[in-house]
PDB file of N, CA and C in Angstrom:
ATOM      1  N   MET A   1      41.958   3.266 -38.621  1.00  0.00           N
ATOM      2  CA  MET A   1      40.587   3.656 -38.331  1.00  0.00           C
ATOM      3  C   MET A   1      39.817   3.929 -39.625  1.00  0.00           C
ATOM      4  N   ALA A   2      40.461   4.599 -40.580  1.00  0.00           N
ATOM      5  CA  ALA A   2      39.796   4.896 -41.849  1.00  0.00           C
ATOM      6  C   ALA A   2      39.483   3.605 -42.604  1.00  0.00           C
ATOM      7  N   GLU A   3      40.380   2.627 -42.493  1.00  0.00           N
ATOM      8  CA  GLU A   3      40.167   1.337 -43.151  1.00  0.00           C
ATOM      9  C   GLU A   3      38.971   0.612 -42.531  1.00  0.00           C
ATOM     10  N   GLU A   4      38.840   0.687 -41.206  1.00  0.00           N
ATOM     11  CA  GLU A   4      37.704   0.073 -40.520  1.00  0.00           C
ATOM     12  C   GLU A   4      36.397   0.742 -40.937  1.00  0.00           C
ATOM     13  N   GLN A   5      36.409   2.075 -41.050  1.00  0.00           N
ATOM     14  CA  GLN A   5      35.214   2.813 -41.455  1.00  0.00           C
ATOM     15  C   GLN A   5      34.817   2.450 -42.884  1.00  0.00           C
ATOM     16  N   GLU A   6      35.826   2.318 -43.749  1.00  0.00           N
ATOM     17  CA  GLU A   6      35.550   1.941 -45.140  1.00  0.00           C
ATOM     18  C   GLU A   6      34.953   0.536 -45.196  1.00  0.00           C
ATOM     19  N   SER A   7      35.470  -0.377 -44.378  1.00  0.00           N
ATOM     20  CA  SER A   7      34.940  -1.732 -44.322  1.00  0.00           C
ATOM     21  C   SER A   7      33.485  -1.725 -43.838  1.00  0.00           C
ATOM     22  N   LEU A   8      33.209  -0.930 -42.828  1.00  0.00           N
ATOM     23  CA  LEU A   8      31.846  -0.827 -42.310  1.00  0.00           C
ATOM     24  C   LEU A   8      30.909  -0.235 -43.364  1.00  0.00           C
ATOM     25  N   GLU A   9      31.393   0.731 -44.122  1.00  0.00           N
ATOM     26  CA  GLU A   9      30.585   1.304 -45.199  1.00  0.00           C
ATOM     27  C   GLU A   9      30.276   0.255 -46.267  1.00  0.00           C
ATOM     28  N   MET A  10      31.264  -0.546 -46.608  1.00  0.00           N
ATOM     29  CA  MET A  10      31.055  -1.583 -47.626  1.00  0.00           C
ATOM     30  C   MET A  10      30.047  -2.626 -47.130  1.00  0.00           C
ATOM     31  N   ILE A  11      30.131  -2.974 -45.854  1.00  0.00           N
ATOM     32  CA  ILE A  11      29.163  -3.909 -45.280  1.00  0.00           C
ATOM     33  C   ILE A  11      27.766  -3.295 -45.348  1.00  0.00           C
ATOM     34  N   SER A  12      27.661  -2.024 -44.972  1.00  0.00           N
ATOM     35  CA  SER A  12      26.367  -1.339 -44.996  1.00  0.00           C
ATOM     36  C   SER A  12      25.793  -1.298 -46.405  1.00  0.00           C
ATOM     37  N   PHE A  13      26.622  -0.940 -47.393  1.00  0.00           N
ATOM     38  CA  PHE A  13      26.154  -0.911 -48.778  1.00  0.00           C
ATOM     39  C   PHE A  13      25.742  -2.301 -49.244  1.00  0.00           C
ATOM     40  N   GLY A  14      26.485  -3.331 -48.819  1.00  0.00           N
ATOM     41  CA  GLY A  14      26.144  -4.708 -49.177  1.00  0.00           C
ATOM     42  C   GLY A  14      24.800  -5.122 -48.610  1.00  0.00           C
ATOM     43  N   ILE A  15      24.542  -4.721 -47.368  1.00  0.00           N
ATOM     44  CA  ILE A  15      23.260  -5.036 -46.745  1.00  0.00           C
ATOM     45  C   ILE A  15      22.130  -4.344 -47.500  1.00  0.00           C
ATOM     46  N   VAL A  16      22.324  -3.073 -47.828  1.00  0.00           N
ATOM     47  CA  VAL A  16      21.291  -2.325 -48.567  1.00  0.00           C
ATOM     48  C   VAL A  16      21.015  -2.987 -49.914  1.00  0.00           C
ATOM     49  N   ALA A  17      22.072  -3.353 -50.629  1.00  0.00           N
ATOM     50  CA  ALA A  17      21.894  -3.953 -51.952  1.00  0.00           C
ATOM     51  C   ALA A  17      21.175  -5.297 -51.870  1.00  0.00           C
ATOM     52  N   SER A  18      21.617  -6.162 -50.974  1.00  0.00           N
ATOM     53  CA  SER A  18      20.998  -7.478 -50.848  1.00  0.00           C
ATOM     54  C   SER A  18      19.559  -7.374 -50.360  1.00  0.00           C
ATOM     55  N   ALA A  19      19.336  -6.527 -49.362  1.00  0.00           N
ATOM     56  CA  ALA A  19      17.988  -6.362 -48.828  1.00  0.00           C
ATOM     57  C   ALA A  19      17.056  -5.768 -49.878  1.00  0.00           C
ATOM     58  N   GLY A  20      17.556  -4.833 -50.661  1.00  0.00           N
ATOM     59  CA  GLY A  20      16.744  -4.235 -51.718  1.00  0.00           C
ATOM     60  C   GLY A  20      16.355  -5.252 -52.773  1.00  0.00           C
ATOM     61  N   GLN A  21      17.300  -6.094 -53.148  1.00  0.00           N
ATOM     62  CA  GLN A  21      17.000  -7.138 -54.132  1.00  0.00           C
ATOM     63  C   GLN A  21      16.002  -8.144 -53.547  1.00  0.00           C
ATOM     64  N   ALA A  22      16.171  -8.477 -52.275  1.00  0.00           N
ATOM     65  CA  ALA A  22      15.252  -9.413 -51.623  1.00  0.00           C
ATOM     66  C   ALA A  22      13.837  -8.840 -51.591  1.00  0.00           C
ATOM     67  N   ARG A  23      13.724  -7.560 -51.281  1.00  0.00           N
ATOM     68  CA  ARG A  23      12.412  -6.920 -51.248  1.00  0.00           C
ATOM     69  C   ARG A  23      11.776  -6.920 -52.636  1.00  0.00           C
ATOM     70  N   SER A  24      12.561  -6.588 -53.656  1.00  0.00           N
ATOM     71  CA  SER A  24      12.054  -6.567 -55.031  1.00  0.00           C
ATOM     72  C   SER A  24      11.544  -7.946 -55.458  1.00  0.00           C
ATOM     73  N   LEU A  25      12.280  -8.985 -55.111  1.00  0.00           N
ATOM     74  CA  LEU A  25      11.850 -10.343 -55.453  1.00  0.00           C
ATOM     75  C   LEU A  25      10.568 -10.720 -54.712  1.00  0.00           C
ATOM     76  N   ALA A  26      10.439 -10.298 -53.461  1.00  0.00           N
ATOM     77  CA  ALA A  26       9.213 -10.583 -52.707  1.00  0.00           C
ATOM     78  C   ALA A  26       8.019  -9.880 -53.338  1.00  0.00           C
ATOM     79  N   MET A  27       8.211  -8.643 -53.756  1.00  0.00           N
ATOM     80  CA  MET A  27       7.118  -7.913 -54.412  1.00  0.00           C
ATOM     81  C   MET A  27       6.764  -8.554 -55.754  1.00  0.00           C
ATOM     82  N   GLU A  28       7.766  -9.017 -56.469  1.00  0.00           N
ATOM     83  CA  GLU A  28       7.522  -9.712 -57.742  1.00  0.00           C
ATOM     84  C   GLU A  28       6.760 -11.005 -57.480  1.00  0.00           C
ATOM     85  N   ALA A  29       7.048 -11.670 -56.375  1.00  0.00           N
ATOM     86  CA  ALA A  29       6.327 -12.890 -56.013  1.00  0.00           C
ATOM     87  C   ALA A  29       4.848 -12.599 -55.787  1.00  0.00           C
ATOM     88  N   ILE A  30       4.544 -11.494 -55.125  1.00  0.00           N
ATOM     89  CA  ILE A  30       3.148 -11.115 -54.901  1.00  0.00           C
ATOM     90  C   ILE A  30       2.451 -10.867 -56.234  1.00  0.00           C
ATOM     91  N   LYS A  31       3.110 -10.125 -57.105  1.00  0.00           N
ATOM     92  CA  LYS A  31       2.525  -9.826 -58.425  1.00  0.00           C
ATOM     93  C   LYS A  31       2.273 -11.115 -59.213  1.00  0.00           C
ATOM     94  N   THR A  32       3.216 -12.023 -59.149  1.00  0.00           N
ATOM     95  CA  THR A  32       3.095 -13.283 -59.870  1.00  0.00           C
ATOM     96  C   THR A  32       1.943 -14.119 -59.310  1.00  0.00           C
ATOM     97  N   ALA A  33       1.792 -14.101 -57.997  1.00  0.00           N
ATOM     98  CA  ALA A  33       0.663 -14.827 -57.381  1.00  0.00           C
ATOM     99  C   ALA A  33      -0.660 -14.201 -57.798  1.00  0.00           C
ATOM    100  N   ARG A  34      -0.708 -12.885 -57.851  1.00  0.00           N
ATOM    101  CA  ARG A  34      -1.934 -12.195 -58.269  1.00  0.00           C
ATOM    102  C   ARG A  34      -2.315 -12.591 -59.697  1.00  0.00           C
ATOM    103  N   GLU A  35      -1.319 -12.852 -60.519  1.00  0.00           N
ATOM    104  CA  GLU A  35      -1.560 -13.268 -61.900  1.00  0.00           C
ATOM    105  C   GLU A  35      -1.941 -14.747 -61.997  1.00  0.00           C
ATOM    106  N   GLY A  36      -1.928 -15.445 -60.852  1.00  0.00           N
ATOM    107  CA  GLY A  36      -2.375 -16.830 -60.826  1.00  0.00           C
ATOM    108  C   GLY A  36      -1.294 -17.880 -60.869  1.00  0.00           C
ATOM    109  N   ASN A  37      -0.040 -17.473 -60.915  1.00  0.00           N
ATOM    110  CA  ASN A  37       1.048 -18.447 -60.994  1.00  0.00           C
ATOM    111  C   ASN A  37       1.664 -18.639 -59.608  1.00  0.00           C
ATOM    112  N   ILE A  38       1.013 -19.451 -58.795  1.00  0.00           N
ATOM    113  CA  ILE A  38       1.413 -19.647 -57.402  1.00  0.00           C
ATOM    114  C   ILE A  38       2.771 -20.343 -57.309  1.00  0.00           C
ATOM    115  N   GLU A  39       2.984 -21.339 -58.136  1.00  0.00           N
ATOM    116  CA  GLU A  39       4.255 -22.080 -58.096  1.00  0.00           C
ATOM    117  C   GLU A  39       5.438 -21.147 -58.375  1.00  0.00           C
ATOM    118  N   GLU A  40       5.321 -20.319 -59.395  1.00  0.00           N
ATOM    119  CA  GLU A  40       6.390 -19.371 -59.722  1.00  0.00           C
ATOM    120  C   GLU A  40       6.548 -18.335 -58.607  1.00  0.00           C
ATOM    121  N   ALA A  41       5.437 -17.921 -58.022  1.00  0.00           N
ATOM    122  CA  ALA A  41       5.495 -16.960 -56.913  1.00  0.00           C
ATOM    123  C   ALA A  41       6.290 -17.533 -55.748  1.00  0.00           C
ATOM    124  N   ARG A  42       6.065 -18.794 -55.449  1.00  0.00           N
ATOM    125  CA  ARG A  42       6.810 -19.438 -54.350  1.00  0.00           C
ATOM    126  C   ARG A  42       8.306 -19.535 -54.677  1.00  0.00           C
ATOM    127  N   LYS A  43       8.635 -19.771 -55.945  1.00  0.00           N
ATOM    128  CA  LYS A  43      10.042 -19.810 -56.352  1.00  0.00           C
ATOM    129  C   LYS A  43      10.686 -18.433 -56.171  1.00  0.00           C
ATOM    130  N   LEU A  44       9.955 -17.398 -56.568  1.00  0.00           N
ATOM    131  CA  LEU A  44      10.480 -16.034 -56.401  1.00  0.00           C
ATOM    132  C   LEU A  44      10.665 -15.683 -54.923  1.00  0.00           C
ATOM    133  N   LEU A  45       9.737 -16.113 -54.097  1.00  0.00           N
ATOM    134  CA  LEU A  45       9.869 -15.853 -52.669  1.00  0.00           C
ATOM    135  C   LEU A  45      11.065 -16.611 -52.092  1.00  0.00           C
ATOM    136  N   ALA A  46      11.283 -17.832 -52.551  1.00  0.00           N
ATOM    137  CA  ALA A  46      12.457 -18.592 -52.105  1.00  0.00           C
ATOM    138  C   ALA A  46      13.747 -17.884 -52.520  1.00  0.00           C
ATOM    139  N   GLN A  47      13.770 -17.349 -53.741  1.00  0.00           N
ATOM    140  CA  GLN A  47      14.930 -16.577 -54.201  1.00  0.00           C
ATOM    141  C   GLN A  47      15.124 -15.346 -53.328  1.00  0.00           C
ATOM    142  N   SER A  48      14.028 -14.695 -52.987  1.00  0.00           N
ATOM    143  CA  SER A  48      14.082 -13.519 -52.132  1.00  0.00           C
ATOM    144  C   SER A  48      14.728 -13.862 -50.792  1.00  0.00           C
ATOM    145  N   ARG A  49      14.300 -14.956 -50.224  1.00  0.00           N
ATOM    146  CA  ARG A  49      14.846 -15.369 -48.925  1.00  0.00           C
ATOM    147  C   ARG A  49      16.331 -15.720 -49.038  1.00  0.00           C
ATOM    148  N   GLU A  50      16.705 -16.354 -50.133  1.00  0.00           N
ATOM    149  CA  GLU A  50      18.118 -16.706 -50.349  1.00  0.00           C
ATOM    150  C   GLU A  50      18.979 -15.451 -50.453  1.00  0.00           C
ATOM    151  N   VAL A  51      18.537 -14.500 -51.237  1.00  0.00           N
ATOM    152  CA  VAL A  51      19.277 -13.236 -51.379  1.00  0.00           C
ATOM    153  C   VAL A  51      19.338 -12.504 -50.042  1.00  0.00           C
ATOM    154  N   GLY A  52      18.219 -12.529 -49.322  1.00  0.00           N
ATOM    155  CA  GLY A  52      18.163 -11.856 -48.027  1.00  0.00           C
ATOM    156  C   GLY A  52      19.115 -12.447 -46.999  1.00  0.00           C
ATOM    157  N   LEU A  53      19.437 -13.728 -47.163  1.00  0.00           N
ATOM    158  CA  LEU A  53      20.379 -14.358 -46.239  1.00  0.00           C
ATOM    159  C   LEU A  53      21.749 -13.684 -46.285  1.00  0.00           C
ATOM    160  N   GLY A  54      22.133 -13.203 -47.450  1.00  0.00           N
ATOM    161  CA  GLY A  54      23.417 -12.499 -47.566  1.00  0.00           C
ATOM    162  C   GLY A  54      23.444 -11.266 -46.681  1.00  0.00           C
ATOM    163  N   ALA A  55      22.373 -10.508 -46.712  1.00  0.00           N
ATOM    164  CA  ALA A  55      22.281  -9.312 -45.872  1.00  0.00           C
ATOM    165  C   ALA A  55      22.236  -9.694 -44.399  1.00  0.00           C
ATOM    166  N   HIS A  56      21.484 -10.731 -44.100  1.00  0.00           N
ATOM    167  CA  HIS A  56      21.368 -11.175 -42.711  1.00  0.00           C
ATOM    168  C   HIS A  56      22.714 -11.681 -42.186  1.00  0.00           C
ATOM    169  N   ASP A  57      23.471 -12.372 -43.024  1.00  0.00           N
ATOM    170  CA  ASP A  57      24.793 -12.858 -42.625  1.00  0.00           C
ATOM    171  C   ASP A  57      25.732 -11.702 -42.290  1.00  0.00           C
ATOM    172  N   GLU A  58      25.671 -10.647 -43.098  1.00  0.00           N
ATOM    173  CA  GLU A  58      26.513  -9.478 -42.822  1.00  0.00           C
ATOM    174  C   GLU A  58      26.116  -8.826 -41.497  1.00  0.00           C
ATOM    175  N   GLN A  59      24.826  -8.741 -41.247  1.00  0.00           N
ATOM    176  CA  GLN A  59      24.353  -8.188 -39.982  1.00  0.00           C
ATOM    177  C   GLN A  59      24.846  -9.050 -38.817  1.00  0.00           C
ATOM    178  N   THR A  60      24.776 -10.361 -38.973  1.00  0.00           N
ATOM    179  CA  THR A  60      25.214 -11.281 -37.924  1.00  0.00           C
ATOM    180  C   THR A  60      26.701 -11.108 -37.627  1.00  0.00           C
ATOM    181  N   LYS A  61      27.499 -10.874 -38.665  1.00  0.00           N
ATOM    182  CA  LYS A  61      28.936 -10.633 -38.457  1.00  0.00           C
ATOM    183  C   LYS A  61      29.148  -9.396 -37.591  1.00  0.00           C
ATOM    184  N   LEU A  62      28.396  -8.347 -37.876  1.00  0.00           N
ATOM    185  CA  LEU A  62      28.515  -7.124 -37.081  1.00  0.00           C
ATOM    186  C   LEU A  62      28.099  -7.375 -35.636  1.00  0.00           C
ATOM    187  N   LEU A  63      27.017  -8.094 -35.452  1.00  0.00           N
ATOM    188  CA  LEU A  63      26.547  -8.405 -34.102  1.00  0.00           C
ATOM    189  C   LEU A  63      27.567  -9.258 -33.350  1.00  0.00           C
ATOM    190  N   SER A  64      28.190 -10.191 -34.052  1.00  0.00           N
ATOM    191  CA  SER A  64      29.206 -11.046 -33.428  1.00  0.00           C
ATOM    192  C   SER A  64      30.424 -10.230 -33.009  1.00  0.00           C
ATOM    193  N   ARG A  65      30.820  -9.294 -33.862  1.00  0.00           N
ATOM    194  CA  ARG A  65      31.942  -8.425 -33.501  1.00  0.00           C
ATOM    195  C   ARG A  65      31.625  -7.645 -32.233  1.00  0.00           C
ATOM    196  N   GLU A  66      30.435  -7.074 -32.186  1.00  0.00           N
ATOM    197  CA  GLU A  66      30.034  -6.294 -31.019  1.00  0.00           C
ATOM    198  C   GLU A  66      29.956  -7.179 -29.771  1.00  0.00           C
ATOM    199  N   ALA A  67      29.380  -8.368 -29.920  1.00  0.00           N
ATOM    200  CA  ALA A  67      29.266  -9.290 -28.789  1.00  0.00           C
ATOM    201  C   ALA A  67      30.638  -9.763 -28.307  1.00  0.00           C
ATOM    202  N   GLY A  68      31.599  -9.792 -29.219  1.00  0.00           N
ATOM    203  CA  GLY A  68      32.961 -10.204 -28.875  1.00  0.00           C
ATOM    204  C   GLY A  68      33.785  -9.095 -28.251  1.00  0.00           C
ATOM    205  N   GLY A  69      33.186  -7.955 -28.025  1.00  0.00           N
ATOM    206  CA  GLY A  69      33.891  -6.865 -27.367  1.00  0.00           C
ATOM    207  C   GLY A  69      34.471  -5.818 -28.305  1.00  0.00           C
ATOM    208  N   GLU A  70      34.316  -6.018 -29.599  1.00  0.00           N
ATOM    209  CA  GLU A  70      34.811  -5.043 -30.578  1.00  0.00           C
ATOM    210  C   GLU A  70      33.664  -4.088 -30.923  1.00  0.00           C
ATOM    211  N   HIS A  71      33.779  -2.870 -30.472  1.00  0.00           N
ATOM    212  CA  HIS A  71      32.702  -1.905 -30.712  1.00  0.00           C
ATOM    213  C   HIS A  71      32.566  -1.610 -32.203  1.00  0.00           C
ATOM    214  N   VAL A  72      31.344  -1.675 -32.677  1.00  0.00           N
ATOM    215  CA  VAL A  72      31.029  -1.336 -34.063  1.00  0.00           C
ATOM    216  C   VAL A  72      30.394   0.046 -34.055  1.00  0.00           C
ATOM    217  N   PRO A  73      31.068   1.032 -34.646  1.00  0.00           N
ATOM    218  CA  PRO A  73      30.481   2.381 -34.656  1.00  0.00           C
ATOM    219  C   PRO A  73      29.210   2.414 -35.512  1.00  0.00           C
ATOM    220  N   VAL A  74      28.209   3.061 -34.974  1.00  0.00           N
ATOM    221  CA  VAL A  74      26.924   3.141 -35.657  1.00  0.00           C
ATOM    222  C   VAL A  74      26.790   4.515 -36.286  1.00  0.00           C
ATOM    223  N   ASP A  75      26.571   4.519 -37.594  1.00  0.00           N
ATOM    224  CA  ASP A  75      26.344   5.780 -38.300  1.00  0.00           C
ATOM    225  C   ASP A  75      25.029   5.681 -39.066  1.00  0.00           C
ATOM    226  N   VAL A  76      24.674   6.748 -39.722  1.00  0.00           N
ATOM    227  CA  VAL A  76      23.391   6.799 -40.433  1.00  0.00           C
ATOM    228  C   VAL A  76      23.319   5.725 -41.520  1.00  0.00           C
ATOM    229  N   LEU A  77      24.422   5.467 -42.191  1.00  0.00           N
ATOM    230  CA  LEU A  77      24.424   4.461 -43.250  1.00  0.00           C
ATOM    231  C   LEU A  77      24.141   3.069 -42.683  1.00  0.00           C
ATOM    232  N   LEU A  78      24.718   2.749 -41.560  1.00  0.00           N
ATOM    233  CA  LEU A  78      24.455   1.449 -40.941  1.00  0.00           C
ATOM    234  C   LEU A  78      22.994   1.345 -40.496  1.00  0.00           C
ATOM    235  N   VAL A  79      22.482   2.400 -39.908  1.00  0.00           N
ATOM    236  CA  VAL A  79      21.073   2.407 -39.500  1.00  0.00           C
ATOM    237  C   VAL A  79      20.184   2.242 -40.730  1.00  0.00           C
ATOM    238  N   HIS A  80      20.523   2.933 -41.793  1.00  0.00           N
ATOM    239  CA  HIS A  80      19.771   2.832 -43.047  1.00  0.00           C
ATOM    240  C   HIS A  80      19.782   1.389 -43.570  1.00  0.00           C
ATOM    241  N   SER A  81      20.933   0.750 -43.499  1.00  0.00           N
ATOM    242  CA  SER A  81      21.031  -0.629 -43.982  1.00  0.00           C
ATOM    243  C   SER A  81      20.174  -1.569 -43.135  1.00  0.00           C
ATOM    244  N   GLN A  82      20.145  -1.338 -41.839  1.00  0.00           N
ATOM    245  CA  GLN A  82      19.326  -2.165 -40.962  1.00  0.00           C
ATOM    246  C   GLN A  82      17.840  -1.970 -41.259  1.00  0.00           C
ATOM    247  N   ASP A  83      17.476  -0.737 -41.572  1.00  0.00           N
ATOM    248  CA  ASP A  83      16.096  -0.442 -41.943  1.00  0.00           C
ATOM    249  C   ASP A  83      15.707  -1.209 -43.205  1.00  0.00           C
ATOM    250  N   HIS A  84      16.581  -1.207 -44.193  1.00  0.00           N
ATOM    251  CA  HIS A  84      16.322  -1.954 -45.430  1.00  0.00           C
ATOM    252  C   HIS A  84      16.181  -3.444 -45.152  1.00  0.00           C
ATOM    253  N   LEU A  85      17.057  -3.971 -44.308  1.00  0.00           N
ATOM    254  CA  LEU A  85      17.013  -5.398 -44.004  1.00  0.00           C
ATOM    255  C   LEU A  85      15.706  -5.777 -43.321  1.00  0.00           C
ATOM    256  N   MET A  86      15.325  -5.023 -42.317  1.00  0.00           N
ATOM    257  CA  MET A  86      14.100  -5.353 -41.595  1.00  0.00           C
ATOM    258  C   MET A  86      12.859  -5.181 -42.485  1.00  0.00           C
ATOM    259  N   THR A  87      12.863  -4.173 -43.342  1.00  0.00           N
ATOM    260  CA  THR A  87      11.743  -3.972 -44.253  1.00  0.00           C
ATOM    261  C   THR A  87      11.632  -5.132 -45.237  1.00  0.00           C
ATOM    262  N   SER A  88      12.766  -5.601 -45.736  1.00  0.00           N
ATOM    263  CA  SER A  88      12.722  -6.716 -46.689  1.00  0.00           C
ATOM    264  C   SER A  88      12.243  -7.989 -46.010  1.00  0.00           C
ATOM    265  N   MET A  89      12.640  -8.209 -44.762  1.00  0.00           N
ATOM    266  CA  MET A  89      12.194  -9.396 -44.041  1.00  0.00           C
ATOM    267  C   MET A  89      10.685  -9.344 -43.788  1.00  0.00           C
ATOM    268  N   LEU A  90      10.193  -8.175 -43.439  1.00  0.00           N
ATOM    269  CA  LEU A  90       8.750  -8.014 -43.252  1.00  0.00           C
ATOM    270  C   LEU A  90       8.013  -8.239 -44.570  1.00  0.00           C
ATOM    271  N   CYS A  91       8.559  -7.721 -45.644  1.00  0.00           N
ATOM    272  CA  CYS A  91       7.945  -7.884 -46.960  1.00  0.00           C
ATOM    273  C   CYS A  91       7.873  -9.369 -47.334  1.00  0.00           C
ATOM    274  N   GLN A  92       8.914 -10.112 -47.021  1.00  0.00           N
ATOM    275  CA  GLN A  92       8.905 -11.551 -47.306  1.00  0.00           C
ATOM    276  C   GLN A  92       7.811 -12.262 -46.520  1.00  0.00           C
ATOM    277  N   ASP A  93       7.692 -11.927 -45.243  1.00  0.00           N
ATOM    278  CA  ASP A  93       6.657 -12.556 -44.419  1.00  0.00           C
ATOM    279  C   ASP A  93       5.260 -12.241 -44.942  1.00  0.00           C
ATOM    280  N   LEU A  94       5.046 -10.985 -45.287  1.00  0.00           N
ATOM    281  CA  LEU A  94       3.742 -10.597 -45.831  1.00  0.00           C
ATOM    282  C   LEU A  94       3.502 -11.226 -47.201  1.00  0.00           C
ATOM    283  N   ALA A  95       4.539 -11.310 -48.016  1.00  0.00           N
ATOM    284  CA  ALA A  95       4.399 -11.933 -49.333  1.00  0.00           C
ATOM    285  C   ALA A  95       3.958 -13.384 -49.196  1.00  0.00           C
ATOM    286  N   GLU A  96       4.519 -14.083 -48.228  1.00  0.00           N
ATOM    287  CA  GLU A  96       4.124 -15.477 -48.020  1.00  0.00           C
ATOM    288  C   GLU A  96       2.639 -15.576 -47.680  1.00  0.00           C
ATOM    289  N   GLU A  97       2.178 -14.714 -46.819  1.00  0.00           N
ATOM    290  CA  GLU A  97       0.758 -14.726 -46.451  1.00  0.00           C
ATOM    291  C   GLU A  97      -0.135 -14.348 -47.635  1.00  0.00           C
ATOM    292  N   ILE A  98       0.287 -13.361 -48.409  1.00  0.00           N
ATOM    293  CA  ILE A  98      -0.501 -12.932 -49.570  1.00  0.00           C
ATOM    294  C   ILE A  98      -0.553 -14.027 -50.624  1.00  0.00           C
ATOM    295  N   ILE A  99       0.566 -14.701 -50.840  1.00  0.00           N
ATOM    296  CA  ILE A  99       0.587 -15.817 -51.791  1.00  0.00           C
ATOM    297  C   ILE A  99      -0.377 -16.903 -51.326  1.00  0.00           C
ATOM    298  N   ASN A 100      -0.362 -17.190 -50.028  1.00  0.00           N
ATOM    299  CA  ASN A 100      -1.296 -18.186 -49.484  1.00  0.00           C
ATOM    300  C   ASN A 100      -2.745 -17.775 -49.729  1.00  0.00           C
ATOM    301  N   LEU A 101      -3.046 -16.499 -49.551  1.00  0.00           N
ATOM    302  CA  LEU A 101      -4.406 -16.012 -49.789  1.00  0.00           C
ATOM    303  C   LEU A 101      -4.798 -16.144 -51.256  1.00  0.00           C
ATOM    304  N   TYR A 102      -3.883 -15.788 -52.166  1.00  0.00           N
ATOM    305  CA  TYR A 102      -4.187 -15.951 -53.598  1.00  0.00           C
ATOM    306  C   TYR A 102      -4.397 -17.422 -53.942  1.00  0.00           C
ATOM    307  N   GLU A 103      -3.643 -18.290 -53.303  1.00  0.00           N
ATOM    308  CA  GLU A 103      -3.808 -19.732 -53.557  1.00  0.00           C
ATOM    309  C   GLU A 103      -5.176 -20.197 -53.055  1.00  0.00           C
ATOM    310  N   LEU A 104      -5.571 -19.763 -51.872  1.00  0.00           N
ATOM    311  CA  LEU A 104      -6.893 -20.119 -51.352  1.00  0.00           C
ATOM    312  C   LEU A 104      -8.011 -19.605 -52.259  1.00  0.00           C
ATOM    313  N   LYS A 105      -7.847 -18.373 -52.718  1.00  0.00           N
ATOM    314  CA  LYS A 105      -8.848 -17.779 -53.603  1.00  0.00           C
ATOM    315  C   LYS A 105      -8.961 -18.576 -54.903  1.00  0.00           C
ATOM    316  N   ALA A 106      -7.835 -19.020 -55.441  1.00  0.00           N
ATOM    317  CA  ALA A 106      -7.838 -19.770 -56.691  1.00  0.00           C
ATOM    318  C   ALA A 106      -8.477 -21.132 -56.522  1.00  0.00           C
ATOM    319  N   ASP A 107      -8.387 -21.689 -55.316  1.00  0.00           N
ATOM    320  CA  ASP A 107      -8.956 -23.022 -55.065  1.00  0.00           C
ATOM    321  C   ASP A 107     -10.472 -22.990 -54.903  1.00  0.00           C
ATOM    322  N   LYS A 108     -11.054 -21.820 -54.732  1.00  0.00           N
ATOM    323  CA  LYS A 108     -12.523 -21.736 -54.495  1.00  0.00           C
ATOM    324  C   LYS A 108     -13.291 -21.586 -55.760  1.00  0.00           C
TER     325      LYS A 108
END
């Protein structure tokens, strides 16, 4: 049981780390677009999405375990990791829209 809890903690920490990096890259993409470098901003957003996939994959593994009948205990750390993941995904979506707006503004 302790080994399972440790594994769940490592998954949670991995999700937090990947989601945090994904969010940081999305914010950097917005800043880069504001500075007028739309192409680089899109590259940063693509990197953000790639990094975020790692966190999403870990979440999917947990969901698959639960769907397969193996109960995954939910603790504050896991909830925290899910919060980070969802926030980073929202940040990516908003970053894409903001980059599009900066591109439109630059074209006028």
